[in-house]
Amino acid sequence: MEKADALVLVYSMDRPDSFTRLQRYLDEIRESNHDAAIKGCDKPVVVVSNKTDLPNLTEPRFKDERGRNLRVDLHLESKYGRHWFHTSAKLGYNVEDPFYNVLEYLLTSAR
């Protein structure tokens, strides 16, 4: 992860444990990016939830410091400063957007 220019992390809606692992990766990235940010070279990271087409599955929920419910997108933005996309590879829904987001960041930061 340290040598990558950008990261796209994907978790599966039908495997809640994949989101738990993803949070560990985000913690590691945050630690390595802290050192990189001091040097002025923070890298883009986006989070993708896949299989949103499956019925009866819900996104993880979180509580803020006041005990209010937070959606996964707000949790990832507030805790990690990362963008979140929900996708369905099966239906082709929103699959390209995370990559366009990363590409746009890389192109604008190269200027």
Protein backbone atom coordinates (compact mmCIF):
# COMPACT_ATOMS: atom_id res chain seq x y z
CA MET A 1 0.00 0.00 0.00
CA GLU A 2 2.84 2.38 0.73
CA LYS A 3 4.12 2.42 -2.86
CA ALA A 4 0.71 2.92 -4.48
CA ASP A 5 -0.26 6.28 -5.94
CA ALA A 6 -3.92 5.69 -5.06
CA LEU A 7 -6.06 3.04 -3.40
CA VAL A 8 -9.55 1.71 -4.08
CA LEU A 9 -10.76 -0.46 -1.19
CA VAL A 10 -13.78 -2.68 -1.80
CA TYR A 11 -15.96 -4.48 0.71
CA SER A 12 -18.88 -6.78 0.06
CA MET A 13 -22.34 -5.99 1.37
CA ASP A 14 -23.02 -9.69 1.99
CA ARG A 15 -19.85 -10.09 4.11
CA PRO A 16 -19.92 -7.71 7.10
CA ASP A 17 -16.48 -8.95 8.17
CA SER A 18 -15.04 -7.45 4.97
CA PHE A 19 -15.98 -3.98 6.26
CA THR A 20 -14.24 -4.71 9.57
CA ARG A 21 -11.06 -5.65 7.70
CA LEU A 22 -11.41 -2.58 5.52
CA GLN A 23 -11.42 -0.35 8.61
CA ARG A 24 -8.13 -1.93 9.72
CA TYR A 25 -6.65 -1.11 6.30
CA LEU A 26 -7.91 2.46 6.61
CA ASP A 27 -6.24 2.77 10.01
CA GLU A 28 -2.95 1.54 8.51
CA ILE A 29 -3.30 3.94 5.59
CA ARG A 30 -4.07 6.82 7.92
CA GLU A 31 -0.89 6.10 9.86
CA SER A 32 1.27 5.86 6.74
CA ASN A 33 -0.43 8.91 5.20
CA HIS A 34 0.27 10.90 8.35
CA ASP A 35 3.98 10.58 7.64
CA ALA A 36 3.39 11.23 3.93
CA ALA A 37 1.22 14.29 4.61
CA ILE A 38 4.07 15.80 6.58
CA LYS A 39 6.16 15.38 3.42
CA GLY A 40 3.27 16.80 1.32
CA CYS A 41 2.34 13.66 -0.64
CA ASP A 42 -1.00 12.36 0.66
CA LYS A 43 -2.56 9.74 -1.67
CA PRO A 44 -6.23 9.38 -2.64
CA VAL A 45 -8.19 6.52 -1.13
CA VAL A 46 -11.80 5.67 -1.94
CA VAL A 47 -14.04 3.03 -0.38
CA VAL A 48 -16.47 0.99 -2.45
CA SER A 49 -19.34 -1.16 -1.20
CA ASN A 50 -20.21 -3.85 -3.72
CA LYS A 51 -23.28 -6.05 -4.18
CA THR A 52 -25.76 -3.29 -3.41
CA ASP A 53 -28.15 -5.11 -5.75
CA LEU A 54 -28.70 -7.91 -3.22
CA PRO A 55 -32.03 -7.65 -1.36
CA ASN A 56 -32.34 -7.27 2.41
CA LEU A 57 -28.79 -6.04 2.98
CA THR A 58 -28.06 -2.79 4.75
CA GLU A 59 -24.97 -0.67 5.08
CA PRO A 60 -23.17 -0.68 8.44
CA ARG A 61 -24.35 1.99 10.90
CA PHE A 62 -22.23 3.97 13.31
CA LYS A 63 -22.69 6.36 16.21
CA ASP A 64 -21.02 9.74 16.45
CA GLU A 65 -19.61 11.19 19.67
CA ARG A 66 -23.10 12.38 20.65
CA GLY A 67 -24.66 8.96 20.09
CA ARG A 68 -26.45 9.90 16.85
CA ASN A 69 -26.65 7.33 14.06
CA LEU A 70 -24.29 7.89 11.14
CA ARG A 71 -24.51 6.35 7.70
CA VAL A 72 -21.37 4.64 6.41
CA ASP A 73 -20.55 7.53 4.04
CA LEU A 74 -20.59 10.07 6.88
CA HIS A 75 -18.58 7.75 9.13
CA LEU A 76 -15.87 7.26 6.50
CA GLU A 77 -15.77 10.96 5.71
CA SER A 78 -15.59 12.12 9.34
CA LYS A 79 -13.23 9.44 10.69
CA TYR A 80 -10.98 8.86 7.69
CA GLY A 81 -11.66 11.73 5.28
CA ARG A 82 -12.43 9.24 2.51
CA HIS A 83 -15.04 9.13 -0.25
CA TRP A 84 -17.48 6.25 -0.40
CA PHE A 85 -19.29 4.74 -3.40
CA HIS A 86 -21.96 2.07 -3.44
CA THR A 87 -21.86 -0.17 -6.48
CA SER A 88 -23.18 -3.30 -8.07
CA ALA A 89 -20.72 -5.04 -10.35
CA LYS A 90 -23.47 -7.43 -11.41
CA LEU A 91 -25.68 -4.59 -12.65
CA GLY A 92 -22.79 -2.34 -13.68
CA TYR A 93 -24.11 0.34 -11.33
CA ASN A 94 -21.66 3.08 -10.30
CA VAL A 95 -18.65 0.84 -11.02
CA GLU A 96 -16.60 3.43 -12.93
CA ASP A 97 -17.18 6.42 -10.63
CA PRO A 98 -14.64 5.45 -7.93
CA PHE A 99 -11.93 5.15 -10.56
CA TYR A 100 -12.85 8.46 -12.19
CA ASN A 101 -12.70 10.05 -8.74
CA VAL A 102 -9.17 8.75 -8.13
CA LEU A 103 -8.04 9.63 -11.64
CA GLU A 104 -9.35 13.19 -11.32
CA TYR A 105 -7.48 13.61 -8.04
CA LEU A 106 -4.25 12.26 -9.51
CA LEU A 107 -4.51 14.50 -12.58
CA THR A 108 -5.27 17.66 -10.61
CA SER A 109 -2.56 16.99 -8.03
CA ALA A 110 0.03 16.46 -10.79
CA ARG A 111 -0.39 20.04 -11.98
